[in-house]
Amino acid sequence: MSPIPRSKPKLLAMQIHPAPYRDPIFKAVHERGRVEIGVRSFFEVDVGHRYRQKAEFAFPHRYLGWGWRPPGGVSFHPGIFAELQRSNCDVLLVPGWRSITAQITIIYAWLTGKPLILTCDQVAFFNPAQGWPSRISDWLFQQLLRHASAVWVPGKASQEFMQEFGVPRERIFQGAYCLDADHLQKVAEVSRNKRNRLRRDLGIKPDDWLFFFVGRMEPWRGLRHLLDAYAQVKRQSLKANLLMVGSGPERDWLEKTSREWQLEGVRFLDPMPMEPLTGYYMASDIYVIASVNETYSLALAQAALCGLPMIATDRVGAADDYVFEGETGLVVPAGNSAALAEAMLRLAASREKAREMGKKARRVALTRNIPWAARQLEAAVFKAIEFNEDRGRRR
C-alpha cells in the first residue's frame, strides 16, 4: 500500500443520513482544504427525526442508492463494496458498527490496511442490551475499538466511555454532533424581538416563568417525571408554565394527563424546523430535560446558544458539556420528580441569577462551534494516519 499523503489525505466519511448537526462540519472541512473529504449517506432522511429542512450539500456528496432498512438499524446497501473501491480514499470514517453496511466498510478498512475512524455516541450509562447480549455486544465493541485508528465522539461523556474501553485519550476526538453556533446566534438575535409576541400568542404573561422542552416524546425521555415535577411546581407557583414541542408515543398520555390533573399552563406544539424553533427557545426562561437514558441531546446545545439556564438529569450525555452545576444550570438524579421540581423552583427563585446562568451557558456553547468540530475531525484524520503507520512499523 502506497504511503498516505500528509499534505492532503482523502477522507471518505459515511453517515446514516444528512443532519443539521453534522453536515456543517463536513462543509467546514471541505472549505478549509486540509483534508479532501467525500461523504456518502446511507439514506435521505432520519426516520426518527424527520427534519423538514431539505439537505443542501456544500461538499462532495453522494447517496449510496437502494438500501434495505429494517427496524433495529441493521441496514444493508448492496453497492457499498463497489463504492469503497471506487472512492480511492486514504482514510475511512464509519458511523457506528451495527449496520451491515458499516460492518462491510470496517472489514474493507482492515483488509486494505486503511486507517479507520469510528464515530459513535455511546456512554457508560446507556446499554440497551441486557445479560448475555450485553456481554457479547461489549466484547464485539471492544474488539472494534482495538482496531480503530481513531474515535470521533460528541462530547466528554462518550470520550470517558471510550477511555474506559481502553482507547488512549490521544486517539479520541470530540465534536461529532455540533450545531452551527454562529448561524444560530444570528437567528437567536432576530428571534429575540419575537419573544413578547410568541408569549402573547401562547397566553403567557411577560413576568411568568416558562419552562421549555423540545424533542421526540419517547418513554426514555422521562416526560412523565417532568409533568409530575411541573405539577409540584405549579402547586407553589401560579406563574409557572410549561411548553413541550414534539410528537411521539408519549404525547397523547401527556396531554390527557394534563387535562385530568387540571394542570394550568401546559402547552403542546408540533415539531418544527430548527430556525422557527429558535424563537420558542428565546421566548422561554428555563430549559428542562428529564431523560432517564439519553446518550446526547443537541437541544441542550441550542438552549445554551439561546442563553437559557438548563436543568438536566445525570443520564443525559450532553449535560457534561453544557450543564455545569450552579454555573450554567442544575443536574438532578434521573427518575426523581421531586428533585426535578426542586431544581425548577430553585432556578425560578431569581430571574437575575437565571439570566446570569444563561449568559454563561451561551459562552460555553459558542466555544463548541463548527470550526472547532472541523479541527477535531481533521485532527482525527491525521492521528488515524499516524497510528496506522506506527502499527505497521511494529509488525
Protein backbone atom coordinates (compact mmCIF):
# COMPACT_ATOMS: atom_id res chain seq x y z
CA MET A 1 0.00 0.00 0.00
CA SER A 2 1.42 3.39 -1.01
CA PRO A 3 2.13 5.99 1.73
CA ILE A 4 -0.75 8.32 2.58
CA PRO A 5 -0.08 11.93 1.55
CA ARG A 6 0.27 14.05 4.70
CA SER A 7 -0.36 17.24 2.75
CA LYS A 8 -3.98 16.49 1.85
CA PRO A 9 -5.28 12.99 2.65
CA LYS A 10 -8.56 11.78 1.17
CA LEU A 11 -11.28 11.07 3.74
CA LEU A 12 -14.38 9.07 2.84
CA ALA A 13 -16.96 9.86 5.53
CA MET A 14 -20.01 7.63 5.87
CA GLN A 15 -23.20 8.86 7.59
CA ILE A 16 -26.58 7.23 8.14
CA HIS A 17 -28.42 10.31 6.85
CA PRO A 18 -27.84 14.04 6.31
CA ALA A 19 -28.27 16.07 9.50
CA PRO A 20 -28.04 19.74 10.54
CA TYR A 21 -25.67 18.75 13.35
CA ARG A 22 -23.10 17.06 11.08
CA ASP A 23 -23.25 18.44 7.53
CA PRO A 24 -21.95 21.92 8.53
CA ILE A 25 -18.84 20.19 9.92
CA PHE A 26 -18.22 18.40 6.62
CA LYS A 27 -18.73 21.71 4.81
CA ALA A 28 -16.15 23.42 7.02
CA VAL A 29 -13.61 20.62 6.47
CA HIS A 30 -14.17 20.87 2.71
CA GLU A 31 -13.71 24.65 2.72
CA ARG A 32 -10.63 24.57 4.96
CA GLY A 33 -8.89 22.29 2.47
CA ARG A 34 -6.52 20.44 4.81
CA VAL A 35 -8.39 17.20 4.13
CA GLU A 36 -10.05 16.19 0.86
CA ILE A 37 -13.46 14.99 2.02
CA GLY A 38 -16.14 12.97 0.27
CA VAL A 39 -19.37 11.99 2.03
CA ARG A 40 -21.69 9.05 1.40
CA SER A 41 -25.15 8.96 3.03
CA PHE A 42 -26.93 5.64 3.56
CA PHE A 43 -30.44 7.18 3.46
CA GLU A 44 -32.04 10.53 2.62
CA VAL A 45 -33.91 11.01 5.92
CA ASP A 46 -33.62 10.20 9.61
CA VAL A 47 -36.75 8.14 10.30
CA GLY A 48 -36.62 9.08 13.99
CA HIS A 49 -36.37 12.84 13.35
CA ARG A 50 -37.82 13.81 10.00
CA TYR A 51 -36.20 17.19 9.61
CA ARG A 52 -38.34 19.48 7.48
CA GLN A 53 -35.35 21.33 6.14
CA LYS A 54 -34.06 19.87 2.90
CA ALA A 55 -30.40 18.87 2.97
CA GLU A 56 -28.12 21.14 0.97
CA PHE A 57 -24.65 19.77 0.34
CA ALA A 58 -21.76 22.23 0.15
CA PHE A 59 -19.25 19.38 -0.09
CA PRO A 60 -18.75 16.33 -2.35
CA HIS A 61 -21.65 14.03 -1.55
CA ARG A 62 -23.50 11.02 -2.92
CA TYR A 63 -26.22 8.71 -1.65
CA LEU A 64 -25.37 5.01 -1.65
CA GLY A 65 -28.51 4.14 -3.56
CA TRP A 66 -31.03 1.47 -2.71
CA GLY A 67 -30.67 0.01 0.76
CA TRP A 68 -32.55 -2.42 2.98
CA ARG A 69 -33.66 -0.70 6.20
CA PRO A 70 -35.48 -2.97 8.65
CA PRO A 71 -36.14 -1.95 12.28
CA GLY A 72 -33.11 -2.31 14.54
CA GLY A 73 -30.50 -0.47 12.49
CA VAL A 74 -29.01 -3.46 10.60
CA SER A 75 -29.33 -1.75 7.20
CA PHE A 76 -27.56 -3.10 4.12
CA HIS A 77 -26.59 -1.45 0.82
CA PRO A 78 -25.55 -3.91 -1.91
CA GLY A 79 -23.44 -1.27 -3.66
CA ILE A 80 -21.21 -0.44 -0.69
CA PHE A 81 -18.20 -2.55 -1.70
CA ALA A 82 -18.11 -1.12 -5.22
CA GLU A 83 -18.40 2.38 -3.76
CA LEU A 84 -15.47 1.74 -1.43
CA GLN A 85 -13.28 0.51 -4.26
CA ARG A 86 -14.25 3.43 -6.49
CA SER A 87 -13.54 6.06 -3.82
CA ASN A 88 -9.76 5.59 -3.76
CA CYS A 89 -9.72 7.14 -0.27
CA ASP A 90 -6.90 7.20 2.28
CA VAL A 91 -8.99 7.23 5.48
CA LEU A 92 -12.48 5.91 6.27
CA LEU A 93 -14.97 7.29 8.78
CA VAL A 94 -17.75 4.92 9.84
CA PRO A 95 -20.96 5.74 11.80
CA GLY A 96 -21.18 3.04 14.45
CA TRP A 97 -20.92 -0.64 13.69
CA ARG A 98 -24.35 -2.27 13.99
CA SER A 99 -25.47 -1.88 10.36
CA ILE A 100 -24.26 -4.39 7.78
CA THR A 101 -23.17 -1.51 5.56
CA ALA A 102 -20.93 -0.16 8.32
CA GLN A 103 -19.57 -3.65 9.07
CA ILE A 104 -18.59 -4.16 5.42
CA THR A 105 -16.82 -0.79 5.48
CA ILE A 106 -14.92 -1.79 8.65
CA ILE A 107 -13.87 -5.13 7.14
CA TYR A 108 -12.77 -3.35 3.96
CA ALA A 109 -10.60 -0.99 6.03
CA TRP A 110 -8.98 -3.92 7.83
CA LEU A 111 -8.33 -5.88 4.62
CA THR A 112 -6.82 -2.89 2.81
CA GLY A 113 -4.96 -1.51 5.81
CA LYS A 114 -6.71 1.87 5.58
CA PRO A 115 -6.98 3.97 8.76
CA LEU A 116 -10.46 3.70 10.29
CA ILE A 117 -12.19 6.39 12.34
CA LEU A 118 -15.21 5.21 14.32
CA THR A 119 -17.87 7.76 15.22
CA CYS A 120 -20.47 6.92 17.86
CA ASP A 121 -22.24 8.42 20.87
CA GLN A 122 -22.08 5.51 23.32
CA VAL A 123 -21.87 6.48 27.01
CA ALA A 124 -21.29 4.43 30.16
CA PHE A 125 -24.88 4.51 31.46
CA PHE A 126 -26.55 3.58 28.16
CA ASN A 127 -26.70 -0.08 27.15
CA PRO A 128 -29.95 -1.27 25.54
CA ALA A 129 -28.90 -4.94 25.68
CA GLN A 130 -29.11 -6.99 28.87
CA GLY A 131 -27.48 -10.22 30.08
CA TRP A 132 -25.56 -12.25 27.52
CA PRO A 133 -26.49 -9.94 24.60
CA SER A 134 -24.90 -7.10 26.56
CA ARG A 135 -21.70 -9.06 27.21
CA ILE A 136 -21.41 -10.13 23.58
CA SER A 137 -22.09 -6.58 22.40
CA ASP A 138 -19.46 -5.18 24.78
CA TRP A 139 -16.90 -7.75 23.63
CA LEU A 140 -17.50 -7.01 19.95
CA PHE A 141 -17.32 -3.28 20.61
CA GLN A 142 -14.01 -3.68 22.44
CA GLN A 143 -12.54 -5.63 19.51
CA LEU A 144 -13.65 -2.90 17.12
CA LEU A 145 -12.13 -0.17 19.29
CA ARG A 146 -8.85 -2.09 19.44
CA HIS A 147 -8.62 -1.97 15.64
CA ALA A 148 -9.99 1.55 15.13
CA SER A 149 -7.28 4.11 14.36
CA ALA A 150 -9.19 6.98 16.00
CA VAL A 151 -12.62 7.68 17.50
CA TRP A 152 -14.82 10.74 16.90
CA VAL A 153 -17.48 11.28 19.59
CA PRO A 154 -19.98 14.02 20.50
CA GLY A 155 -18.57 15.07 23.86
CA LYS A 156 -16.96 14.37 27.21
CA ALA A 157 -19.29 11.56 28.38
CA SER A 158 -18.57 9.49 25.25
CA GLN A 159 -14.87 10.32 25.48
CA GLU A 160 -14.71 8.97 29.03
CA PHE A 161 -16.58 5.83 27.99
CA MET A 162 -14.09 5.17 25.17
CA GLN A 163 -11.21 5.60 27.59
CA GLU A 164 -12.81 3.07 29.94
CA PHE A 165 -12.94 0.67 26.99
CA GLY A 166 -9.20 1.07 26.50
CA VAL A 167 -8.87 3.75 23.82
CA PRO A 168 -6.00 6.16 24.67
CA ARG A 169 -7.07 9.77 25.20
CA GLU A 170 -4.89 11.00 22.32
CA ARG A 171 -6.92 8.94 19.81
CA ILE A 172 -10.33 10.30 20.91
CA PHE A 173 -11.74 13.50 19.40
CA GLN A 174 -14.96 15.39 20.15
CA GLY A 175 -17.45 17.34 18.05
CA ALA A 176 -19.22 14.54 16.13
CA TYR A 177 -22.55 16.31 16.80
CA CYS A 178 -22.31 20.07 16.53
CA LEU A 179 -24.76 22.85 15.70
CA ASP A 180 -23.81 25.86 13.60
CA ALA A 181 -23.41 28.13 16.62
CA ASP A 182 -22.57 31.28 14.65
CA HIS A 183 -25.63 30.93 12.42
CA LEU A 184 -27.99 30.08 15.29
CA GLN A 185 -26.69 33.05 17.27
CA LYS A 186 -27.80 35.32 14.42
CA VAL A 187 -31.19 33.58 14.29
CA ALA A 188 -31.48 33.95 18.07
CA GLU A 189 -30.82 37.68 17.90
CA VAL A 190 -33.56 38.12 15.30
CA SER A 191 -35.88 35.89 17.36
CA ARG A 192 -35.30 37.99 20.47
CA ASN A 193 -37.65 40.61 19.00
CA LYS A 194 -40.39 37.96 18.66
CA ARG A 195 -40.30 36.95 22.33
CA ASN A 196 -43.21 39.06 23.53
CA ARG A 197 -45.38 38.21 20.51
CA LEU A 198 -44.79 34.45 20.87
CA ARG A 199 -45.52 34.56 24.60
CA ARG A 200 -48.66 36.56 23.94
CA ASP A 201 -49.77 34.00 21.33
CA LEU A 202 -49.20 31.25 23.90
CA GLY A 203 -51.13 33.18 26.54
CA ILE A 204 -48.11 33.67 28.79
CA LYS A 205 -47.63 36.92 30.69
CA PRO A 206 -44.32 38.81 30.42
CA ASP A 207 -43.38 38.16 34.06
CA ASP A 208 -44.43 34.49 34.12
CA TRP A 209 -41.86 31.69 34.09
CA LEU A 210 -41.83 29.44 31.02
CA PHE A 211 -40.15 26.04 31.30
CA PHE A 212 -39.35 24.52 27.91
CA PHE A 213 -38.72 21.06 26.43
CA VAL A 214 -38.29 20.00 22.81
CA GLY A 215 -37.77 16.52 21.41
CA ARG A 216 -39.43 13.33 20.35
CA MET A 217 -41.76 12.23 23.13
CA GLU A 218 -40.46 8.74 23.90
CA PRO A 219 -40.70 6.89 27.25
CA TRP A 220 -36.95 7.16 27.86
CA ARG A 221 -37.22 10.96 27.73
CA GLY A 222 -38.71 10.91 31.25
CA LEU A 223 -41.56 13.27 30.33
CA ARG A 224 -43.91 11.70 32.86
CA HIS A 225 -41.42 12.73 35.54
CA LEU A 226 -41.30 16.21 34.02
CA LEU A 227 -45.10 16.53 34.11
CA ASP A 228 -45.18 15.30 37.71
CA ALA A 229 -42.43 17.79 38.65
CA TYR A 230 -44.31 20.61 36.95
CA ALA A 231 -47.45 19.70 38.92
CA GLN A 232 -45.42 20.05 42.13
CA VAL A 233 -44.03 23.40 40.95
CA LYS A 234 -47.49 24.62 39.98
CA ARG A 235 -48.78 23.99 43.50
CA GLN A 236 -46.21 26.50 44.75
CA SER A 237 -46.10 28.98 41.86
CA LEU A 238 -49.12 30.15 39.86
CA LYS A 239 -46.73 31.96 37.49
CA ALA A 240 -45.21 28.73 36.14
CA ASN A 241 -45.86 27.50 32.58
CA LEU A 242 -44.60 24.50 30.62
CA LEU A 243 -44.17 24.35 26.83
CA MET A 244 -43.43 21.00 25.18
CA VAL A 245 -42.61 20.78 21.46
CA GLY A 246 -42.57 17.43 19.71
CA SER A 247 -44.53 14.31 18.84
CA GLY A 248 -44.27 10.65 19.70
CA PRO A 249 -45.90 7.83 21.65
CA GLU A 250 -45.96 9.73 24.97
CA ARG A 251 -47.71 12.83 23.72
CA ASP A 252 -51.31 11.54 23.97
CA TRP A 253 -50.72 10.43 27.57
CA LEU A 254 -49.14 13.77 28.48
CA GLU A 255 -51.99 15.79 27.01
CA LYS A 256 -54.66 13.53 28.55
CA THR A 257 -53.00 13.56 31.97
CA SER A 258 -52.54 17.33 31.91
CA ARG A 259 -56.31 17.66 31.44
CA GLU A 260 -57.13 15.04 34.09
CA TRP A 261 -54.83 16.73 36.63
CA GLN A 262 -56.31 20.10 35.64
CA LEU A 263 -52.81 21.46 35.17
CA GLU A 264 -52.91 25.04 34.00
CA GLY A 265 -50.17 26.49 31.85
CA VAL A 266 -49.18 23.32 29.95
CA ARG A 267 -48.96 23.80 26.18
CA PHE A 268 -48.01 21.47 23.33
CA LEU A 269 -46.72 22.32 19.86
CA ASP A 270 -45.91 20.06 16.93
CA PRO A 271 -42.30 19.55 15.72
CA MET A 272 -40.85 22.35 13.61
CA PRO A 273 -37.57 23.19 11.82
CA MET A 274 -34.65 24.48 13.84
CA GLU A 275 -34.87 28.14 12.86
CA PRO A 276 -38.51 28.83 13.87
CA LEU A 277 -37.92 26.62 16.91
CA THR A 278 -35.22 29.07 18.00
CA GLY A 279 -37.95 31.66 18.57
CA TYR A 280 -39.54 29.45 21.22
CA TYR A 281 -36.20 28.94 22.95
CA MET A 282 -35.85 32.73 23.07
CA ALA A 283 -39.41 33.08 24.39
CA SER A 284 -38.67 30.66 27.25
CA ASP A 285 -36.87 31.13 30.56
CA ILE A 286 -35.52 27.71 31.58
CA TYR A 287 -34.83 24.57 29.54
CA VAL A 288 -35.61 21.22 31.21
CA ILE A 289 -34.63 17.73 30.02
CA ALA A 290 -35.73 14.84 32.24
CA SER A 291 -34.39 11.87 30.23
CA VAL A 292 -33.71 8.61 32.05
CA ASN A 293 -31.34 7.33 29.33
CA GLU A 294 -30.08 9.65 26.58
CA THR A 295 -26.64 9.36 25.00
CA TYR A 296 -26.63 13.00 23.92
CA SER A 297 -29.01 15.94 23.39
CA LEU A 298 -28.47 18.73 20.89
CA ALA A 299 -31.46 20.51 22.42
CA LEU A 300 -29.16 21.37 25.33
CA ALA A 301 -26.69 22.89 22.87
CA GLN A 302 -29.42 25.01 21.29
CA ALA A 303 -30.78 26.03 24.69
CA ALA A 304 -27.31 27.16 25.73
CA LEU A 305 -26.84 29.09 22.49
CA CYS A 306 -30.12 30.87 23.19
CA GLY A 307 -28.90 31.88 26.64
CA LEU A 308 -31.15 29.64 28.72
CA PRO A 309 -30.18 28.18 32.09
CA MET A 310 -30.70 24.41 31.96
CA ILE A 311 -31.89 21.58 34.17
CA ALA A 312 -30.78 18.11 33.10
CA THR A 313 -30.68 14.66 34.64
CA ASP A 314 -27.46 12.75 35.23
CA ARG A 315 -28.46 10.39 32.38
CA VAL A 316 -28.02 12.88 29.54
CA GLY A 317 -24.63 12.71 27.80
CA ALA A 318 -24.58 16.36 26.69
CA ALA A 319 -25.02 17.58 30.26
CA ASP A 320 -21.28 17.04 30.77
CA ASP A 321 -20.59 19.57 28.01
CA TYR A 322 -23.18 22.24 28.75
CA VAL A 323 -24.72 21.95 32.23
CA PHE A 324 -22.25 22.91 34.95
CA GLU A 325 -23.76 22.73 38.41
CA GLY A 326 -24.61 26.16 39.76
CA GLU A 327 -22.90 27.86 36.81
CA THR A 328 -24.98 27.21 33.69
CA GLY A 329 -27.73 25.13 35.30
CA LEU A 330 -28.51 22.24 37.61
CA VAL A 331 -28.12 18.45 37.34
CA VAL A 332 -30.59 16.12 39.12
CA PRO A 333 -30.88 12.33 39.50
CA ALA A 334 -32.80 10.69 36.66
CA GLY A 335 -36.29 9.47 37.51
CA ASN A 336 -36.62 11.70 40.58
CA SER A 337 -39.62 14.01 40.10
CA ALA A 338 -39.18 15.66 43.50
CA ALA A 339 -35.55 16.58 42.76
CA LEU A 340 -36.57 17.90 39.36
CA ALA A 341 -39.32 20.06 40.89
CA GLU A 342 -36.91 21.39 43.50
CA ALA A 343 -34.42 22.37 40.77
CA MET A 344 -37.16 24.10 38.76
CA LEU A 345 -38.24 26.11 41.81
CA ARG A 346 -34.63 26.91 42.68
CA LEU A 347 -33.88 28.39 39.26
CA ALA A 348 -37.20 30.25 39.20
CA ALA A 349 -36.41 31.87 42.55
CA SER A 350 -34.27 34.58 40.95
CA ARG A 351 -34.64 35.91 37.43
CA GLU A 352 -31.32 37.74 37.71
CA LYS A 353 -29.48 34.54 38.71
CA ALA A 354 -31.18 32.57 35.93
CA ARG A 355 -30.17 35.15 33.33
CA GLU A 356 -26.56 35.11 34.54
CA MET A 357 -26.50 31.31 34.20
CA GLY A 358 -27.91 31.65 30.69
CA LYS A 359 -25.16 34.09 29.71
CA LYS A 360 -22.50 31.66 30.94
CA ALA A 361 -24.21 28.83 29.04
CA ARG A 362 -24.07 30.85 25.83
CA ARG A 363 -20.34 31.47 26.27
CA VAL A 364 -19.77 27.75 26.72
CA ALA A 365 -21.87 26.86 23.66
CA LEU A 366 -20.05 29.34 21.44
CA THR A 367 -16.75 27.53 22.05
CA ARG A 368 -18.21 24.26 20.74
CA ASN A 369 -18.78 25.61 17.25
CA ILE A 370 -18.35 24.34 13.70
CA PRO A 371 -14.71 25.48 13.22
CA TRP A 372 -13.82 23.69 16.47
CA ALA A 373 -15.59 20.49 15.38
CA ALA A 374 -13.94 20.64 11.93
CA ARG A 375 -10.49 20.94 13.56
CA GLN A 376 -11.34 17.95 15.76
CA LEU A 377 -12.25 15.84 12.72
CA GLU A 378 -9.12 16.91 10.84
CA ALA A 379 -7.00 16.03 13.89
CA ALA A 380 -8.70 12.61 14.00
CA VAL A 381 -7.76 12.03 10.34
CA PHE A 382 -4.07 12.84 10.88
CA LYS A 383 -3.92 10.87 14.15
CA ALA A 384 -5.51 7.87 12.40
CA ILE A 385 -2.84 8.02 9.70
CA GLU A 386 -0.07 8.31 12.29
CA PHE A 387 -1.48 5.43 14.35
CA ASN A 388 -1.67 3.11 11.33
CA GLU A 389 1.87 3.95 10.29
CA ASP A 390 3.16 3.25 13.80
CA ARG A 391 1.22 0.00 13.93
CA GLY A 392 2.65 -1.00 10.55
CA ARG A 393 6.22 -0.38 11.72
CA ARG A 394 5.67 -2.51 14.84
CA ARG A 395 4.54 -5.52 12.81
